[in-house]
Amino acid sequence: MTESTKHEPGSALFARIQQMVDERGVDIRPHLSGHALRLDFADGQRILINIDPQTHNVWVAARSGGVEYIHHDGLWQAHDHGELFARLRELIELTIASNPLNARAPVTQPQQAPEHPEPAIYYEAKQSHWLRNALIILLAGMIGFWAAQRLNPPQEKTEEAKPQPDTVSLSQLDPGQQCEGGFPANGSITVFPESGLRTDEVSDPEITLRNDHAHPVLLILSPPNTVIPSMSVLIHARQSISLHLPAGQYGMMFGVGSAWCNARRGFSDGQFLKFDKSLSVETDKPMQLTLQSSGPGMEDFQLFVRTAAPEVALPPPTFAGDGSMEVQRQANGHFYLPGTIENVPVTFMVDTGASVTSISSDIAQQAGIRNCKEVQFQTANGTATGCIALVPRMTLGNFTLQNITVAVMPNMETNLLGANVLRNFQVSQSDSTMLIGRR
């Protein structure tokens, strides 16, 4: 296939975006990797711009969602006729406005003085030796003072220091208690009598705790802005549990380790962190808390909290005699197709910017997918840990495919149909209608 000369080269497009970011004059740090440009903001938010090397379309992803842009008549336009650079400016301004930290000026790295400066000493050659010796003694004293300062730096925190989760002293949580030994079962819940908390009322909202981290984690809930435990629950690595909690606000602390101590302290090794944001439980709104690895260390994990909403039924596609499908664009601007993974029903969202089809870990578990190689994925929200698996049988409408590579992602709400499946079909689009048929 010959690449159209009407497409703006990726390097030129990224250069234009870089210039637009520089002109804004705030601390936005770009990271270019292949066909993807990531814009990092001071508070950790990100905007990802990705160029599909096959279609040459541009996909822009942020916390608000993702939009695909097609080059037409010298402009990058979305299906709603929105223009790429106008949308990027809007996303950048919204991200800056969401946190005052994002409005700070670009951080420049000051030039560092040499680590061991050589002081210049001037003296007349004809001076007596006692003056030279005095200068040598004075210089030795200065070097000794400088070395002492290097070994004992001041412990002040500067305004530029990156915010870290609060580390809680174990003595605050476990005054004088001894370690029990033995590892409790997954889902072990301890309600501390002084809290009066209940976890067995089925009428209360259901909370699902999923630990996709590589280490066991103890979640401790407390009244907001305190470290007084109300209850704790242990979730083993790669396991999940469900419980019911009364509506209200809860402080969250997490212990992670390998050597068990007790239900208040958690582990005798590892880390104990207090999150600065509280958990808000609302009546009749089930919630899911997912812990996901973000690095090699046991303290490297992220927490994702979402409200579990019932799925909205989508209208089925129209099938022709040869099995081809005609689907309509939905109100959110996307196309959806029905299919299965190893006979497990799946609704896929068509994503031409994704190179690999992606499914949630829940679907993979239902489909019996066990042999999955762990890898790191770069998403709009940062680096996520998932895995790559081979699906023996997959269907899309009336079509059957075999030995399809999929990415299994934790905490994924929408299953994505990527280019590795779409390239097996003849795909055409006209306004709000997409036709998918045999090649």
Protein backbone atom coordinates (compact mmCIF):
# COMPACT_ATOMS: atom_id res chain seq x y z
CA MET A 1 0.00 0.00 0.00
CA THR A 2 1.37 3.42 -0.99
CA GLU A 3 1.23 6.08 1.69
CA SER A 4 -0.81 9.11 0.68
CA THR A 5 1.15 12.34 0.41
CA LYS A 6 -1.84 14.17 1.88
CA HIS A 7 -1.01 12.87 5.34
CA GLU A 8 1.07 15.12 7.53
CA PRO A 9 4.23 13.26 8.61
CA GLY A 10 4.24 12.22 12.26
CA SER A 11 7.42 14.15 13.00
CA ALA A 12 5.92 17.37 11.61
CA LEU A 13 2.67 16.86 13.51
CA PHE A 14 4.48 16.20 16.80
CA ALA A 15 6.68 19.26 16.18
CA ARG A 16 3.56 21.43 15.79
CA ILE A 17 2.13 20.03 19.03
CA GLN A 18 5.46 20.63 20.80
CA GLN A 19 5.47 24.25 19.60
CA MET A 20 1.89 24.73 20.85
CA VAL A 21 2.84 23.30 24.26
CA ASP A 22 5.95 25.50 24.51
CA GLU A 23 3.94 28.62 23.68
CA ARG A 24 1.56 27.90 26.59
CA GLY A 25 4.44 28.57 29.02
CA VAL A 26 3.58 26.05 31.77
CA ASP A 27 5.30 22.92 33.06
CA ILE A 28 4.17 20.32 30.50
CA ARG A 29 6.78 17.67 29.76
CA PRO A 30 6.58 15.85 26.40
CA HIS A 31 7.84 12.28 25.95
CA LEU A 32 8.12 10.96 22.37
CA SER A 33 8.30 7.20 21.74
CA GLY A 34 7.86 5.92 18.20
CA HIS A 35 4.36 6.82 16.99
CA ALA A 36 3.22 8.13 20.40
CA LEU A 37 3.68 11.51 22.09
CA ARG A 38 2.83 11.76 25.79
CA LEU A 39 2.25 15.10 27.55
CA ASP A 40 2.89 14.87 31.32
CA PHE A 41 1.46 17.51 33.65
CA ALA A 42 2.80 18.46 37.08
CA ASP A 43 0.03 16.65 39.01
CA GLY A 44 0.48 13.38 37.09
CA GLN A 45 -2.29 13.81 34.50
CA ARG A 46 -1.43 12.87 30.95
CA ILE A 47 -2.58 13.40 27.36
CA LEU A 48 -1.54 10.76 24.82
CA ILE A 49 -1.35 11.42 21.05
CA ASN A 50 -0.88 8.28 18.95
CA ILE A 51 -0.50 7.91 15.16
CA ASP A 52 -1.75 4.65 13.64
CA PRO A 53 1.11 3.56 11.32
CA GLN A 54 -1.37 1.74 9.03
CA THR A 55 -4.27 4.19 8.66
CA HIS A 56 -2.21 7.32 9.56
CA ASN A 57 -5.15 8.48 11.69
CA VAL A 58 -4.47 10.24 14.99
CA TRP A 59 -5.93 9.11 18.32
CA VAL A 60 -6.01 11.54 21.25
CA ALA A 61 -6.66 10.08 24.71
CA ALA A 62 -7.11 11.86 28.04
CA ARG A 63 -9.07 11.31 31.24
CA SER A 64 -12.21 12.53 29.48
CA GLY A 65 -11.92 9.79 26.82
CA GLY A 66 -10.46 9.23 23.38
CA VAL A 67 -11.20 10.70 19.92
CA GLU A 68 -9.93 9.67 16.48
CA TYR A 69 -8.91 12.30 13.89
CA ILE A 70 -8.61 11.83 10.11
CA HIS A 71 -6.54 14.09 7.81
CA HIS A 72 -8.82 15.76 5.26
CA ASP A 73 -8.27 18.89 3.14
CA GLY A 74 -5.26 19.92 5.22
CA LEU A 75 -7.00 19.52 8.58
CA TRP A 76 -7.18 16.80 11.22
CA GLN A 77 -10.90 16.33 11.88
CA ALA A 78 -12.99 14.02 14.09
CA HIS A 79 -16.35 12.50 13.17
CA ASP A 80 -18.11 15.48 14.80
CA HIS A 81 -15.99 17.85 12.62
CA GLY A 82 -13.92 18.90 15.63
CA GLU A 83 -10.36 19.96 14.79
CA LEU A 84 -7.34 18.28 16.39
CA PHE A 85 -5.40 21.35 17.56
CA ALA A 86 -8.51 23.14 18.83
CA ARG A 87 -9.37 20.04 20.88
CA LEU A 88 -5.80 19.70 22.17
CA ARG A 89 -5.81 23.33 23.33
CA GLU A 90 -9.12 22.73 25.10
CA LEU A 91 -7.81 19.58 26.80
CA ILE A 92 -4.61 21.35 27.89
CA GLU A 93 -6.55 24.30 29.34
CA LEU A 94 -8.99 21.99 31.16
CA THR A 95 -6.11 19.99 32.63
CA ILE A 96 -4.30 23.15 33.75
CA ALA A 97 -7.49 24.50 35.33
CA SER A 98 -8.16 21.22 37.19
CA ASN A 99 -5.17 21.67 39.51
CA PRO A 100 -3.24 24.87 40.40
CA LEU A 101 -0.04 22.80 40.34
CA ASN A 102 -0.40 22.43 36.57
CA ALA A 103 -0.21 26.20 36.05
CA ARG A 104 3.33 26.52 37.36
CA ALA A 105 6.09 27.80 35.10
CA PRO A 106 8.42 25.32 33.37
CA VAL A 107 10.92 23.87 35.81
CA THR A 108 14.49 24.60 34.72
CA GLN A 109 17.43 22.64 36.00
CA PRO A 110 20.00 25.01 37.59
CA GLN A 111 23.60 24.53 36.66
CA GLN A 112 25.34 22.56 39.36
CA ALA A 113 28.64 23.63 40.74
CA PRO A 114 31.48 21.08 40.62
CA GLU A 115 31.12 18.54 43.40
CA HIS A 116 34.64 19.18 44.70
CA PRO A 117 35.52 22.80 43.93
CA GLU A 118 39.16 23.62 43.96
CA PRO A 119 39.68 26.88 45.89
CA ALA A 120 42.15 29.26 44.28
CA ILE A 121 44.86 30.49 46.69
CA TYR A 122 47.01 33.42 45.74
CA TYR A 123 50.21 34.29 47.59
CA GLU A 124 53.54 35.84 46.86
CA ALA A 125 56.37 33.41 46.24
CA LYS A 126 58.66 35.23 48.63
CA GLN A 127 56.33 34.97 51.64
CA SER A 128 57.58 33.00 54.62
CA HIS A 129 56.56 29.34 55.22
CA TRP A 130 54.43 30.13 58.32
CA LEU A 131 51.89 32.02 56.20
CA ARG A 132 51.71 29.14 53.74
CA ASN A 133 51.17 26.65 56.60
CA ALA A 134 48.40 28.83 58.10
CA LEU A 135 46.60 28.92 54.77
CA ILE A 136 46.89 25.13 54.45
CA ILE A 137 45.39 24.64 57.95
CA LEU A 138 42.55 27.07 57.16
CA LEU A 139 41.85 25.27 53.88
CA ALA A 140 41.76 21.88 55.64
CA GLY A 141 39.23 23.26 58.15
CA MET A 142 37.01 24.56 55.35
CA ILE A 143 37.11 21.21 53.56
CA GLY A 144 36.24 19.39 56.80
CA PHE A 145 33.25 21.68 57.40
CA TRP A 146 32.09 21.22 53.80
CA ALA A 147 32.33 17.41 54.12
CA ALA A 148 30.30 17.46 57.36
CA GLN A 149 27.56 19.45 55.63
CA ARG A 150 27.50 16.94 52.76
CA LEU A 151 27.12 13.99 55.12
CA ASN A 152 24.35 15.67 57.18
CA PRO A 153 22.18 17.70 54.76
CA PRO A 154 19.31 19.77 56.21
CA GLN A 155 15.98 17.94 56.30
CA GLU A 156 13.76 20.80 55.15
CA LYS A 157 11.07 20.11 52.54
CA THR A 158 10.94 22.51 49.63
CA GLU A 159 7.84 23.56 47.75
CA GLU A 160 9.14 21.72 44.67
CA ALA A 161 9.27 18.36 46.46
CA LYS A 162 6.96 15.80 44.92
CA PRO A 163 3.99 14.89 47.14
CA GLN A 164 4.27 11.40 48.60
CA PRO A 165 1.67 9.24 50.38
CA ASP A 166 1.75 9.72 54.13
CA THR A 167 3.69 7.01 55.92
CA VAL A 168 1.89 5.92 59.06
CA SER A 169 3.85 4.88 62.14
CA LEU A 170 3.06 1.27 63.01
CA SER A 171 2.88 2.23 66.69
CA GLN A 172 -0.14 4.40 65.85
CA LEU A 173 -2.00 1.37 64.54
CA ASP A 174 -0.72 -1.35 66.86
CA PRO A 175 0.14 -0.07 70.34
CA GLY A 176 1.91 -2.95 72.02
CA GLN A 177 0.21 -5.86 70.21
CA GLN A 178 2.26 -8.92 69.34
CA CYS A 179 2.44 -10.57 65.93
CA GLU A 180 0.19 -13.60 65.56
CA GLY A 181 2.05 -15.60 62.94
CA GLY A 182 0.33 -17.73 60.31
CA PHE A 183 -1.21 -16.22 57.19
CA PRO A 184 -5.02 -15.59 57.20
CA ALA A 185 -7.25 -16.71 54.35
CA ASN A 186 -8.09 -14.39 51.47
CA GLY A 187 -10.96 -12.08 52.35
CA SER A 188 -10.38 -12.22 56.11
CA ILE A 189 -12.31 -9.28 57.62
CA THR A 190 -11.69 -7.86 61.09
CA VAL A 191 -14.13 -5.29 62.51
CA PHE A 192 -12.69 -3.55 65.57
CA PRO A 193 -15.30 -3.44 68.39
CA GLU A 194 -14.78 0.20 69.26
CA SER A 195 -15.79 1.29 65.73
CA GLY A 196 -19.35 -0.11 65.74
CA LEU A 197 -19.04 -0.69 61.98
CA ARG A 198 -21.18 -3.38 60.32
CA THR A 199 -20.30 -5.31 57.16
CA ASP A 200 -23.08 -7.91 56.96
CA GLU A 201 -26.12 -5.84 55.90
CA VAL A 202 -26.99 -6.95 52.36
CA SER A 203 -29.02 -3.76 51.89
CA ASP A 204 -25.80 -1.71 52.12
CA PRO A 205 -23.81 -0.96 48.94
CA GLU A 206 -21.62 -3.85 47.74
CA ILE A 207 -17.88 -3.12 47.58
CA THR A 208 -15.70 -5.36 45.43
CA LEU A 209 -11.98 -5.37 46.27
CA ARG A 210 -9.70 -6.70 43.53
CA ASN A 211 -5.96 -7.12 44.07
CA ASP A 212 -4.13 -7.33 40.73
CA HIS A 213 -0.91 -6.43 42.58
CA ALA A 214 1.89 -9.00 42.86
CA HIS A 215 1.77 -8.93 46.69
CA PRO A 216 -0.93 -9.41 49.36
CA VAL A 217 -2.47 -6.18 50.61
CA LEU A 218 -4.26 -5.27 53.85
CA LEU A 219 -6.85 -2.50 53.46
CA ILE A 220 -7.66 -0.63 56.69
CA LEU A 221 -10.67 1.70 56.77
CA SER A 222 -10.87 4.45 59.36
CA PRO A 223 -12.97 7.56 60.11
CA PRO A 224 -11.90 10.40 57.78
CA ASN A 225 -8.72 12.29 58.76
CA THR A 226 -7.74 9.75 61.43
CA VAL A 227 -5.62 6.61 61.71
CA ILE A 228 -7.98 4.88 64.16
CA PRO A 229 -8.88 1.54 62.47
CA SER A 230 -12.56 0.71 61.99
CA MET A 231 -12.00 -2.50 60.06
CA SER A 232 -9.40 -4.29 57.96
CA VAL A 233 -9.62 -6.81 55.14
CA LEU A 234 -6.84 -8.93 53.63
CA ILE A 235 -6.76 -9.52 49.87
CA HIS A 236 -4.24 -12.04 48.54
CA ALA A 237 -2.31 -11.34 45.34
CA ARG A 238 -4.41 -11.85 42.17
CA GLN A 239 -7.55 -12.39 44.26
CA SER A 240 -10.77 -10.47 44.96
CA ILE A 241 -13.50 -10.34 47.59
CA SER A 242 -16.86 -8.58 48.11
CA LEU A 243 -18.40 -7.06 51.22
CA HIS A 244 -21.12 -4.58 52.18
CA LEU A 245 -20.41 -1.19 53.77
CA PRO A 246 -22.78 1.46 55.12
CA ALA A 247 -22.90 4.68 53.10
CA GLY A 248 -20.41 7.28 54.32
CA GLN A 249 -16.83 8.55 54.12
CA TYR A 250 -13.86 6.31 54.98
CA GLY A 251 -10.15 6.98 55.30
CA MET A 252 -7.97 4.40 53.54
CA MET A 253 -4.63 2.91 54.60
CA PHE A 254 -2.84 0.08 52.84
CA GLY A 255 -0.27 -2.34 54.21
CA VAL A 256 1.72 -4.52 51.84
CA GLY A 257 4.33 -7.15 52.68
CA SER A 258 5.11 -10.86 52.90
CA ALA A 259 5.49 -11.61 56.65
CA TRP A 260 2.11 -11.46 58.42
CA CYS A 261 1.76 -9.82 61.85
CA ASN A 262 -1.87 -9.05 62.80
CA ALA A 263 -5.11 -7.44 61.56
CA ARG A 264 -4.19 -3.98 62.87
CA ARG A 265 -0.55 -3.82 61.89
CA GLY A 266 -0.74 -5.99 58.79
CA PHE A 267 2.79 -7.12 57.96
CA SER A 268 5.99 -7.01 59.96
CA ASP A 269 7.89 -6.09 56.78
CA GLY A 270 7.05 -4.04 53.70
CA GLN A 271 5.31 -0.67 53.62
CA PHE A 272 2.28 1.03 55.17
CA LEU A 273 0.75 3.99 53.33
CA LYS A 274 -2.14 6.34 54.03
CA PHE A 275 -4.06 7.73 51.06
CA ASP A 276 -4.93 11.43 51.20
CA LYS A 277 -8.31 10.89 49.49
CA SER A 278 -11.20 9.31 51.33
CA LEU A 279 -13.52 6.60 50.00
CA SER A 280 -17.06 7.88 49.42
CA VAL A 281 -19.70 5.11 49.60
CA GLU A 282 -23.17 6.10 48.39
CA THR A 283 -26.50 4.33 48.87
CA ASP A 284 -27.52 1.98 46.01
CA LYS A 285 -24.20 2.50 44.22
CA PRO A 286 -21.98 -0.61 44.16
CA MET A 287 -18.27 0.16 43.90
CA GLN A 288 -15.13 -1.59 42.71
CA LEU A 289 -11.65 -0.92 44.14
CA THR A 290 -8.79 -2.32 42.06
CA LEU A 291 -5.14 -2.43 43.13
CA GLN A 292 -2.72 -2.61 40.22
CA SER A 293 1.07 -2.96 40.11
CA SER A 294 2.89 0.15 38.89
CA GLY A 295 6.50 -1.02 39.34
CA PRO A 296 8.73 -3.82 40.62
CA GLY A 297 8.57 -2.89 44.33
CA MET A 298 5.87 -4.12 46.70
CA GLU A 299 5.00 -0.49 47.50
CA ASP A 300 4.55 0.28 43.77
CA PHE A 301 0.81 0.03 43.22
CA GLN A 302 -2.07 2.21 42.07
CA LEU A 303 -5.66 2.33 43.32
CA PHE A 304 -8.57 2.63 40.89
CA VAL A 305 -12.04 3.37 42.29
CA ARG A 306 -15.15 3.29 40.15
CA THR A 307 -18.89 2.97 40.55
CA ALA A 308 -20.22 -0.23 39.03
CA ALA A 309 -23.02 0.81 36.66
CA PRO A 310 -25.29 -1.65 34.77
CA GLU A 311 -24.44 -2.09 31.10
CA VAL A 312 -26.73 -0.43 28.57
CA ALA A 313 -28.03 -2.80 25.89
CA LEU A 314 -26.81 -1.79 22.43
CA PRO A 315 -28.86 -2.34 19.26
CA PRO A 316 -27.63 -5.41 17.32
CA PRO A 317 -25.98 -4.97 13.90
CA THR A 318 -27.77 -5.74 10.64
CA PHE A 319 -26.49 -8.94 9.01
CA ALA A 320 -26.37 -9.64 5.26
CA GLY A 321 -26.48 -13.07 3.61
CA ASP A 322 -22.68 -13.33 3.36
CA GLY A 323 -22.31 -12.64 7.09
CA SER A 324 -21.24 -9.00 6.70
CA MET A 325 -22.39 -6.59 9.41
CA GLU A 326 -23.70 -3.06 9.25
CA VAL A 327 -23.47 -1.16 12.56
CA GLN A 328 -24.53 2.34 13.53
CA ARG A 329 -22.45 4.90 15.41
CA GLN A 330 -23.64 5.33 19.00
CA ALA A 331 -24.32 8.61 20.80
CA ASN A 332 -20.78 8.65 22.25
CA GLY A 333 -19.31 8.57 18.73
CA HIS A 334 -18.12 4.93 18.76
CA PHE A 335 -19.07 1.72 16.96
CA TYR A 336 -19.76 -1.50 18.90
CA LEU A 337 -19.76 -5.11 17.70
CA PRO A 338 -20.96 -8.33 19.39
CA GLY A 339 -18.61 -11.30 19.68
CA THR A 340 -17.28 -14.02 21.94
CA ILE A 341 -13.98 -15.08 23.52
CA GLU A 342 -14.01 -18.84 23.99
CA ASN A 343 -17.87 -18.78 23.99
CA VAL A 344 -17.98 -15.96 26.58
CA PRO A 345 -20.14 -13.09 25.19
CA VAL A 346 -18.21 -9.86 24.67
CA THR A 347 -19.19 -6.44 23.34
CA PHE A 348 -16.26 -4.82 21.53
CA MET A 349 -15.74 -1.13 20.82
CA VAL A 350 -14.02 -0.58 17.46
CA ASP A 351 -10.68 1.18 18.08
CA THR A 352 -8.65 1.68 14.90
CA GLY A 353 -5.89 3.32 16.94
CA ALA A 354 -5.25 0.17 19.01
CA SER A 355 -2.76 -2.26 17.49
CA VAL A 356 -3.92 -5.20 19.63
CA THR A 357 -7.42 -6.24 20.71
CA SER A 358 -7.83 -5.75 24.48
CA ILE A 359 -10.17 -7.48 26.93
CA SER A 360 -10.76 -7.11 30.66
CA SER A 361 -9.27 -9.52 33.17
CA ASP A 362 -12.85 -10.51 34.14
CA ILE A 363 -13.57 -11.72 30.57
CA ALA A 364 -10.21 -13.53 30.47
CA GLN A 365 -11.00 -15.30 33.74
CA GLN A 366 -14.47 -16.38 32.53
CA ALA A 367 -12.94 -17.62 29.26
CA GLY A 368 -10.37 -19.75 31.11
CA ILE A 369 -7.34 -17.83 29.82
CA ARG A 370 -4.48 -18.84 32.11
CA ASN A 371 -1.28 -18.70 30.04
CA CYS A 372 -0.72 -14.94 29.94
CA LYS A 373 2.70 -13.22 29.71
CA GLU A 374 2.95 -10.12 31.91
CA VAL A 375 3.95 -6.90 30.11
CA GLN A 376 3.83 -3.13 30.70
CA PHE A 377 1.42 -1.01 28.63
CA GLN A 378 1.54 2.75 28.07
CA THR A 379 -1.93 4.27 28.45
CA ALA A 380 -3.33 7.79 28.68
CA ASN A 381 -3.34 7.46 32.48
CA GLY A 382 0.22 6.18 32.71
CA THR A 383 1.96 2.82 32.74
CA ALA A 384 -0.29 -0.17 33.46
CA THR A 385 0.60 -3.82 34.03
CA GLY A 386 -1.30 -6.36 31.95
CA CYS A 387 -0.49 -9.48 29.98
CA ILE A 388 -0.53 -10.88 26.44
CA ALA A 389 -2.42 -14.11 25.68
CA LEU A 390 -3.38 -16.22 22.67
CA VAL A 391 -7.12 -16.89 22.28
CA PRO A 392 -7.78 -20.19 20.45
CA ARG A 393 -11.26 -19.18 19.25
CA MET A 394 -12.94 -15.82 18.89
CA THR A 395 -16.11 -14.77 17.07
CA LEU A 396 -17.14 -11.41 15.69
CA GLY A 397 -20.78 -11.41 14.63
CA ASN A 398 -21.11 -14.45 12.33
CA PHE A 399 -17.37 -14.68 11.66
CA THR A 400 -15.00 -17.05 13.47
CA LEU A 401 -11.28 -16.39 14.03
CA GLN A 402 -8.61 -18.62 15.53
CA ASN A 403 -5.40 -18.02 17.49
CA ILE A 404 -5.92 -14.29 18.09
CA THR A 405 -3.49 -12.31 20.25
CA VAL A 406 -5.19 -10.21 22.93
CA ALA A 407 -4.03 -7.90 25.69
CA VAL A 408 -5.60 -8.65 29.07
CA MET A 409 -5.95 -5.46 31.11
CA PRO A 410 -7.09 -5.10 34.74
CA ASN A 411 -9.75 -2.52 35.56
CA MET A 412 -10.76 -2.24 31.88
CA GLU A 413 -14.38 -1.19 31.46
CA THR A 414 -14.57 -1.37 27.64
CA ASN A 415 -13.23 -4.24 25.51
CA LEU A 416 -11.42 -2.85 22.46
CA LEU A 417 -11.35 -4.36 18.97
CA GLY A 418 -7.92 -3.50 17.57
CA ALA A 419 -6.15 -3.55 14.22
CA ASN A 420 -4.87 -7.15 14.58
CA VAL A 421 -8.50 -8.35 14.19
CA LEU A 422 -9.84 -5.62 11.91
CA ARG A 423 -7.17 -6.32 9.28
CA ASN A 424 -8.90 -9.68 8.63
CA PHE A 425 -11.99 -7.85 7.30
CA GLN A 426 -13.00 -5.34 4.68
CA VAL A 427 -13.99 -2.30 6.73
CA SER A 428 -15.69 0.75 5.23
CA GLN A 429 -17.40 3.72 6.82
CA SER A 430 -19.92 6.21 5.54
CA ASP A 431 -21.01 8.96 7.93
CA SER A 432 -22.59 7.15 10.90
CA THR A 433 -22.59 3.64 9.37
CA MET A 434 -19.78 1.07 9.37
CA LEU A 435 -19.80 -2.01 7.16
CA ILE A 436 -17.63 -5.02 8.06
CA GLY A 437 -17.37 -7.93 5.64
CA ARG A 438 -15.08 -10.60 4.27
CA ARG A 439 -11.86 -9.65 2.52
